[in-house]
Amino acid sequence: MQNDENHIKIRENIEQLLNAGISIEEVSQQLKLPLGSRYIKNSAKWYRFCIVAKRNQKKAIEKDPNLYSKAGKIAQQKHPWIGCEMGKKYGRMLGKSRANQLRGNSAYFSMMAKRLQKIYPDHSRKNMLKAHQTMKEKGTFEKHQKDATLKCMEKHPDQLKKMSKRAHELYPLALLALESRRRNYPYKFMDCEFDSDSERKLCEIFVNNGLISKPVEGQNVHFRLNRHHVDFFLMNKIFVEFHPPRKFGRNAGETVKSYHDHKRKLLDDNGYAEYPLMIIDRLVRIEHKIKKIKKLLALEINE
């Protein structure tokens, strides 16, 4: 703040001297400032440029009183940290008193958040991540989450239940658990993760035979079908599932045919009734399966 006051004092002093008809060289000698140029800070010519800029700003504001308000909004949207930095330098400004006036006016804040979200889609997410990180560093994150949950339950008793139901529909826990475990497995190939080494080898075989150019999670590998997925979707034409039959556990007595029927129904129910499905239960004699897949693809392309 002291530096800003000194700058304003020197600038006003120089402006008075220039208005009195004194040249910039004489001003430089009189105030013992380097002559410099408009690009050298704290020189006489730099202060003269500041005076011209101040006059131009005044003219611009007279033409458009909301000019700097608009510029400030654009700057805040592009650089969300700018308000915080200005607050550190100049102290808290009108924003805090305005926020106190609007406290409880959720409709206003909701409207502003939506407008900001359109201009800067990642603003809320980045702010939330930053807030969570700060709370974790201070050790208040768990308490904050607990208090927020209790307050939400008090105001909207059914809100958490609805959110949980929606989350389970979009992200079923069983599938999320499977994907989470997969990230810890060592079975990786071309930046893609697999549930077993045999499944990884099968993907490598598909790539070597030109059936997959590059494995991409969610597209040609682990193709998502609502709460389930199919292991491979080759060339957007044929589904392939790698699944050795289980001889024990919940699905004891399972066969290749019973698993095929299960997956076939899943595909049919999700609008893929016209797409062929092949179950591969082992990598022995895989060449025969590859030939069959290529033959099916040739029929699909000819049709």
Protein backbone atom coordinates (compact mmCIF):
# COMPACT_ATOMS: atom_id res chain seq x y z
CA MET A 1 0.00 0.00 0.00
CA GLN A 2 2.87 2.39 0.85
CA ASN A 3 4.42 1.84 -2.58
CA ASP A 4 1.12 2.67 -4.30
CA GLU A 5 0.77 5.88 -2.29
CA ASN A 6 4.31 6.94 -3.23
CA HIS A 7 3.61 6.19 -6.89
CA ILE A 8 0.43 8.31 -6.89
CA LYS A 9 2.18 11.17 -5.10
CA ILE A 10 5.09 11.25 -7.60
CA ARG A 11 2.72 10.92 -10.57
CA GLU A 12 0.55 13.84 -9.40
CA ASN A 13 3.64 15.95 -8.76
CA ILE A 14 4.98 15.29 -12.26
CA GLU A 15 1.54 15.97 -13.77
CA GLN A 16 1.45 19.40 -12.10
CA LEU A 17 4.93 20.25 -13.42
CA LEU A 18 4.07 19.15 -16.95
CA ASN A 19 0.82 21.16 -16.87
CA ALA A 20 2.92 24.18 -15.86
CA GLY A 21 4.87 23.86 -19.12
CA ILE A 22 8.04 22.27 -17.74
CA SER A 23 9.69 19.76 -20.10
CA ILE A 24 10.15 16.12 -19.13
CA GLU A 25 13.96 16.58 -19.10
CA GLU A 26 13.67 19.43 -16.60
CA VAL A 27 11.22 17.37 -14.51
CA SER A 28 13.76 14.54 -14.47
CA GLN A 29 16.50 16.85 -13.21
CA GLN A 30 14.26 18.65 -10.72
CA LEU A 31 12.92 15.45 -9.10
CA LYS A 32 16.22 13.58 -9.52
CA LEU A 33 14.59 10.80 -11.54
CA PRO A 34 16.25 8.92 -14.43
CA LEU A 35 14.92 10.16 -17.79
CA GLY A 36 14.51 6.58 -19.07
CA SER A 37 11.63 5.65 -21.39
CA ARG A 38 8.02 4.52 -21.13
CA TYR A 39 9.27 0.95 -20.70
CA ILE A 40 11.65 1.68 -17.78
CA LYS A 41 9.68 1.63 -14.54
CA ASN A 42 9.97 4.63 -12.16
CA SER A 43 11.68 6.78 -14.80
CA ALA A 44 10.38 10.26 -15.72
CA LYS A 45 9.08 9.17 -19.14
CA TRP A 46 7.42 6.12 -17.56
CA TYR A 47 5.51 8.41 -15.17
CA ARG A 48 4.51 10.61 -18.10
CA PHE A 49 3.08 7.55 -19.85
CA CYS A 50 1.17 6.67 -16.63
CA ILE A 51 -0.38 10.16 -16.68
CA VAL A 52 -1.50 9.73 -20.31
CA ALA A 53 -2.91 6.28 -19.50
CA LYS A 54 -4.85 7.71 -16.54
CA ARG A 55 -6.40 10.40 -18.78
CA ASN A 56 -7.36 7.80 -21.38
CA GLN A 57 -8.96 5.64 -18.69
CA LYS A 58 -11.01 8.61 -17.52
CA LYS A 59 -12.25 9.25 -21.08
CA ALA A 60 -13.12 5.57 -21.55
CA ILE A 61 -15.12 5.49 -18.29
CA GLU A 62 -17.00 8.64 -19.32
CA LYS A 63 -18.00 6.95 -22.59
CA ASP A 64 -18.89 3.63 -20.95
CA PRO A 65 -19.30 3.76 -17.13
CA ASN A 66 -19.56 -0.07 -16.95
CA LEU A 67 -16.37 -0.66 -18.95
CA TYR A 68 -14.17 -1.61 -16.02
CA SER A 69 -16.92 -3.64 -14.40
CA LYS A 70 -17.14 -5.71 -17.60
CA ALA A 71 -13.36 -6.01 -17.81
CA GLY A 72 -13.20 -7.09 -14.18
CA LYS A 73 -15.80 -9.82 -14.74
CA ILE A 74 -13.92 -11.13 -17.78
CA ALA A 75 -10.65 -11.13 -15.83
CA GLN A 76 -12.27 -12.93 -12.89
CA GLN A 77 -13.75 -15.58 -15.20
CA LYS A 78 -10.46 -16.19 -17.02
CA HIS A 79 -8.32 -15.99 -13.86
CA PRO A 80 -10.42 -17.02 -10.82
CA TRP A 81 -7.46 -16.38 -8.48
CA ILE A 82 -7.27 -12.66 -9.35
CA GLY A 83 -9.85 -11.58 -6.74
CA CYS A 84 -7.99 -13.46 -4.00
CA GLU A 85 -4.67 -11.86 -4.98
CA MET A 86 -6.21 -8.37 -5.02
CA GLY A 87 -7.74 -9.05 -1.62
CA LYS A 88 -4.30 -9.95 -0.24
CA LYS A 89 -2.81 -6.74 -1.66
CA TYR A 90 -5.56 -4.20 -0.98
CA GLY A 91 -7.58 -5.88 1.78
CA ARG A 92 -11.18 -7.13 1.63
CA MET A 93 -13.39 -5.12 -0.71
CA LEU A 94 -17.09 -4.81 -1.44
CA GLY A 95 -17.42 -8.52 -2.18
CA LYS A 96 -17.65 -9.50 1.49
CA SER A 97 -20.25 -6.87 2.43
CA ARG A 98 -22.22 -7.73 -0.71
CA ALA A 99 -22.11 -11.41 0.22
CA ASN A 100 -23.47 -10.58 3.69
CA GLN A 101 -26.35 -8.65 2.08
CA LEU A 102 -27.16 -11.62 -0.17
CA ARG A 103 -26.77 -14.26 2.55
CA GLY A 104 -29.66 -16.66 2.31
CA ASN A 105 -30.54 -15.60 -1.24
CA SER A 106 -29.79 -18.98 -2.78
CA ALA A 107 -31.68 -18.14 -5.99
CA TYR A 108 -29.24 -15.31 -6.77
CA PHE A 109 -26.14 -17.42 -6.12
CA SER A 110 -27.62 -20.30 -8.14
CA MET A 111 -28.23 -17.95 -11.08
CA MET A 112 -24.69 -16.54 -10.91
CA ALA A 113 -23.18 -20.03 -10.64
CA LYS A 114 -25.04 -21.17 -13.76
CA ARG A 115 -23.91 -18.11 -15.71
CA LEU A 116 -20.32 -18.63 -14.63
CA GLN A 117 -20.52 -22.34 -15.45
CA LYS A 118 -21.45 -21.53 -19.06
CA ILE A 119 -18.48 -19.19 -19.45
CA TYR A 120 -15.96 -21.29 -17.52
CA PRO A 121 -17.18 -24.92 -17.18
CA ASP A 122 -14.32 -26.02 -14.90
CA HIS A 123 -14.65 -23.13 -12.43
CA SER A 124 -16.81 -24.93 -9.83
CA ARG A 125 -14.87 -28.18 -10.07
CA LYS A 126 -11.49 -26.48 -9.59
CA ASN A 127 -12.77 -24.37 -6.71
CA MET A 128 -14.24 -27.45 -5.03
CA LEU A 129 -10.99 -29.40 -5.43
CA LYS A 130 -9.03 -26.46 -4.02
CA ALA A 131 -11.42 -26.15 -1.06
CA HIS A 132 -11.22 -29.90 -0.34
CA GLN A 133 -7.42 -29.81 -0.49
CA THR A 134 -7.29 -26.86 1.92
CA MET A 135 -9.64 -28.60 4.38
CA LYS A 136 -7.60 -31.82 4.20
CA GLU A 137 -4.42 -29.90 4.97
CA LYS A 138 -6.12 -28.27 7.97
CA GLY A 139 -7.70 -31.56 9.08
CA THR A 140 -11.27 -30.23 8.86
CA PHE A 141 -12.42 -32.13 5.76
CA GLU A 142 -14.24 -35.00 7.51
CA LYS A 143 -16.01 -32.66 9.92
CA HIS A 144 -17.08 -30.40 7.06
CA GLN A 145 -18.46 -33.36 5.07
CA LYS A 146 -20.33 -34.65 8.14
CA ASP A 147 -21.84 -31.23 8.93
CA ALA A 148 -22.83 -30.69 5.28
CA THR A 149 -24.50 -34.12 5.16
CA LEU A 150 -26.46 -33.50 8.37
CA LYS A 151 -27.57 -30.07 7.16
CA CYS A 152 -28.65 -31.53 3.82
CA MET A 153 -30.61 -34.31 5.58
CA GLU A 154 -32.30 -31.71 7.78
CA LYS A 155 -33.40 -29.46 4.91
CA HIS A 156 -34.04 -32.17 2.29
CA PRO A 157 -34.63 -35.56 3.99
CA ASP A 158 -34.96 -37.45 0.67
CA GLN A 159 -32.11 -35.72 -1.17
CA LEU A 160 -29.28 -38.11 -0.23
CA LYS A 161 -31.47 -41.13 -0.95
CA LYS A 162 -32.27 -39.78 -4.42
CA MET A 163 -28.61 -38.95 -5.08
CA SER A 164 -27.52 -42.40 -3.95
CA LYS A 165 -30.09 -44.07 -6.18
CA ARG A 166 -29.01 -41.96 -9.13
CA ALA A 167 -25.34 -42.73 -8.47
CA HIS A 168 -26.05 -46.48 -8.33
CA GLU A 169 -27.89 -46.27 -11.65
CA LEU A 170 -25.05 -44.42 -13.37
CA TYR A 171 -22.13 -46.06 -11.56
CA PRO A 172 -23.05 -49.50 -10.16
CA LEU A 173 -20.86 -50.39 -7.20
CA ALA A 174 -19.99 -53.88 -8.49
CA LEU A 175 -18.67 -52.48 -11.76
CA LEU A 176 -16.82 -49.66 -10.00
CA ALA A 177 -15.19 -52.18 -7.65
CA LEU A 178 -14.13 -54.29 -10.64
CA GLU A 179 -12.63 -51.26 -12.39
CA SER A 180 -10.90 -50.19 -9.17
CA ARG A 181 -9.31 -53.63 -8.70
CA ARG A 182 -8.24 -53.65 -12.34
CA ARG A 183 -6.12 -50.54 -11.78
CA ASN A 184 -4.06 -52.47 -9.21
CA TYR A 185 -3.50 -55.51 -11.44
CA PRO A 186 -0.21 -55.82 -13.36
CA TYR A 187 -1.97 -56.90 -16.57
CA LYS A 188 -1.43 -53.94 -18.89
CA PHE A 189 -1.01 -53.64 -22.64
CA MET A 190 -0.78 -50.46 -24.74
CA ASP A 191 -1.92 -48.24 -21.84
CA CYS A 192 -4.98 -50.43 -21.24
CA GLU A 193 -5.69 -52.50 -18.10
CA PHE A 194 -7.10 -56.04 -17.96
CA ASP A 195 -8.59 -58.40 -15.38
CA SER A 196 -6.22 -61.30 -16.11
CA ASP A 197 -3.05 -62.13 -18.02
CA SER A 198 -5.04 -64.33 -20.42
CA GLU A 199 -7.37 -61.43 -21.24
CA ARG A 200 -4.33 -59.21 -21.83
CA LYS A 201 -2.79 -61.83 -24.15
CA LEU A 202 -6.07 -62.12 -26.06
CA CYS A 203 -6.06 -58.36 -26.65
CA GLU A 204 -2.48 -58.61 -27.92
CA ILE A 205 -3.55 -61.37 -30.32
CA PHE A 206 -6.39 -59.17 -31.63
CA VAL A 207 -3.94 -56.32 -32.22
CA ASN A 208 -1.44 -58.58 -34.02
CA ASN A 209 -4.23 -59.87 -36.28
CA GLY A 210 -5.46 -56.37 -37.15
CA LEU A 211 -8.79 -56.77 -35.32
CA ILE A 212 -7.93 -53.90 -32.95
CA SER A 213 -5.72 -51.01 -34.03
CA LYS A 214 -5.33 -49.64 -30.49
CA PRO A 215 -7.16 -50.82 -27.36
CA VAL A 216 -9.22 -48.00 -25.85
CA GLU A 217 -11.03 -48.44 -22.53
CA GLY A 218 -14.81 -48.12 -22.94
CA GLN A 219 -14.71 -48.25 -26.76
CA ASN A 220 -13.24 -51.53 -28.04
CA VAL A 221 -12.15 -52.86 -24.61
CA HIS A 222 -14.57 -53.24 -21.68
CA PHE A 223 -17.47 -51.82 -23.67
CA ARG A 224 -20.00 -50.44 -21.15
CA LEU A 225 -23.61 -51.63 -21.17
CA ASN A 226 -25.38 -49.79 -18.34
CA ARG A 227 -24.48 -51.81 -15.23
CA HIS A 228 -22.35 -54.34 -17.14
CA HIS A 229 -19.67 -54.51 -19.80
CA VAL A 230 -18.42 -56.79 -22.58
CA ASP A 231 -14.68 -57.45 -22.83
CA PHE A 232 -14.14 -56.59 -26.52
CA PHE A 233 -16.07 -54.82 -29.27
CA LEU A 234 -14.15 -55.49 -32.48
CA MET A 235 -14.44 -52.86 -35.24
CA ASN A 236 -17.87 -51.88 -33.89
CA LYS A 237 -19.17 -55.11 -35.46
CA ILE A 238 -18.62 -58.10 -33.17
CA PHE A 239 -18.70 -58.54 -29.38
CA VAL A 240 -16.18 -60.95 -27.85
CA GLU A 241 -16.19 -62.05 -24.22
CA PHE A 242 -13.25 -63.86 -22.60
CA HIS A 243 -14.69 -65.99 -19.82
CA PRO A 244 -13.45 -69.41 -18.65
CA PRO A 245 -16.47 -71.25 -17.12
CA ARG A 246 -16.59 -71.26 -13.31
CA LYS A 247 -16.62 -74.68 -11.66
CA PHE A 248 -17.18 -73.36 -8.12
CA GLY A 249 -18.62 -70.42 -6.22
CA ARG A 250 -21.82 -68.53 -6.95
CA ASN A 251 -21.96 -69.63 -10.60
CA ALA A 252 -20.91 -73.25 -10.07
CA GLY A 253 -21.81 -75.46 -13.01
CA GLU A 254 -21.68 -72.61 -15.49
CA THR A 255 -20.99 -73.56 -19.12
CA VAL A 256 -19.91 -71.65 -22.21
CA LYS A 257 -23.46 -71.94 -23.56
CA SER A 258 -25.15 -70.69 -20.37
CA TYR A 259 -22.78 -67.72 -20.21
CA HIS A 260 -23.34 -67.01 -23.92
CA ASP A 261 -27.10 -66.98 -23.35
CA HIS A 262 -26.66 -64.60 -20.39
CA LYS A 263 -24.53 -62.13 -22.39
CA ARG A 264 -26.72 -62.51 -25.47
CA LYS A 265 -29.77 -61.43 -23.48
CA LEU A 266 -27.82 -58.50 -22.08
CA LEU A 267 -26.89 -57.31 -25.58
CA ASP A 268 -30.41 -57.84 -26.92
CA ASP A 269 -31.94 -55.85 -24.06
CA ASN A 270 -29.58 -52.94 -24.75
CA GLY A 271 -30.26 -52.63 -28.48
CA TYR A 272 -27.47 -54.86 -29.86
CA ALA A 273 -29.61 -57.79 -31.00
CA GLU A 274 -28.16 -57.68 -34.54
CA TYR A 275 -24.52 -57.84 -33.39
CA PRO A 276 -22.78 -61.24 -33.23
CA LEU A 277 -21.36 -62.43 -29.91
CA MET A 278 -18.50 -64.90 -29.43
CA ILE A 279 -17.39 -66.40 -26.11
CA ILE A 280 -13.72 -67.41 -25.82
CA ASP A 281 -13.10 -69.59 -22.78
CA ARG A 282 -9.41 -70.39 -23.34
CA LEU A 283 -6.47 -69.45 -25.54
CA VAL A 284 -5.83 -73.00 -26.73
CA ARG A 285 -6.52 -73.27 -30.50
CA ILE A 286 -7.23 -69.55 -30.58
CA GLU A 287 -6.32 -69.47 -34.29
CA HIS A 288 -9.59 -71.24 -35.08
CA LYS A 289 -11.54 -68.55 -33.20
CA ILE A 290 -9.63 -65.75 -34.96
CA LYS A 291 -10.49 -67.23 -38.38
CA LYS A 292 -14.13 -67.44 -37.39
CA ILE A 293 -14.13 -63.79 -36.25
CA LYS A 294 -12.51 -62.66 -39.51
CA LYS A 295 -15.09 -64.64 -41.48
CA LEU A 296 -17.92 -63.00 -39.53
CA LEU A 297 -16.39 -59.57 -40.12
CA ALA A 298 -16.10 -60.26 -43.85
CA LEU A 299 -19.81 -61.18 -43.94
CA GLU A 300 -20.73 -58.03 -42.01
CA ILE A 301 -18.69 -55.81 -44.36
CA ASN A 302 -20.11 -57.44 -47.50
CA GLU A 303 -23.63 -56.96 -46.24
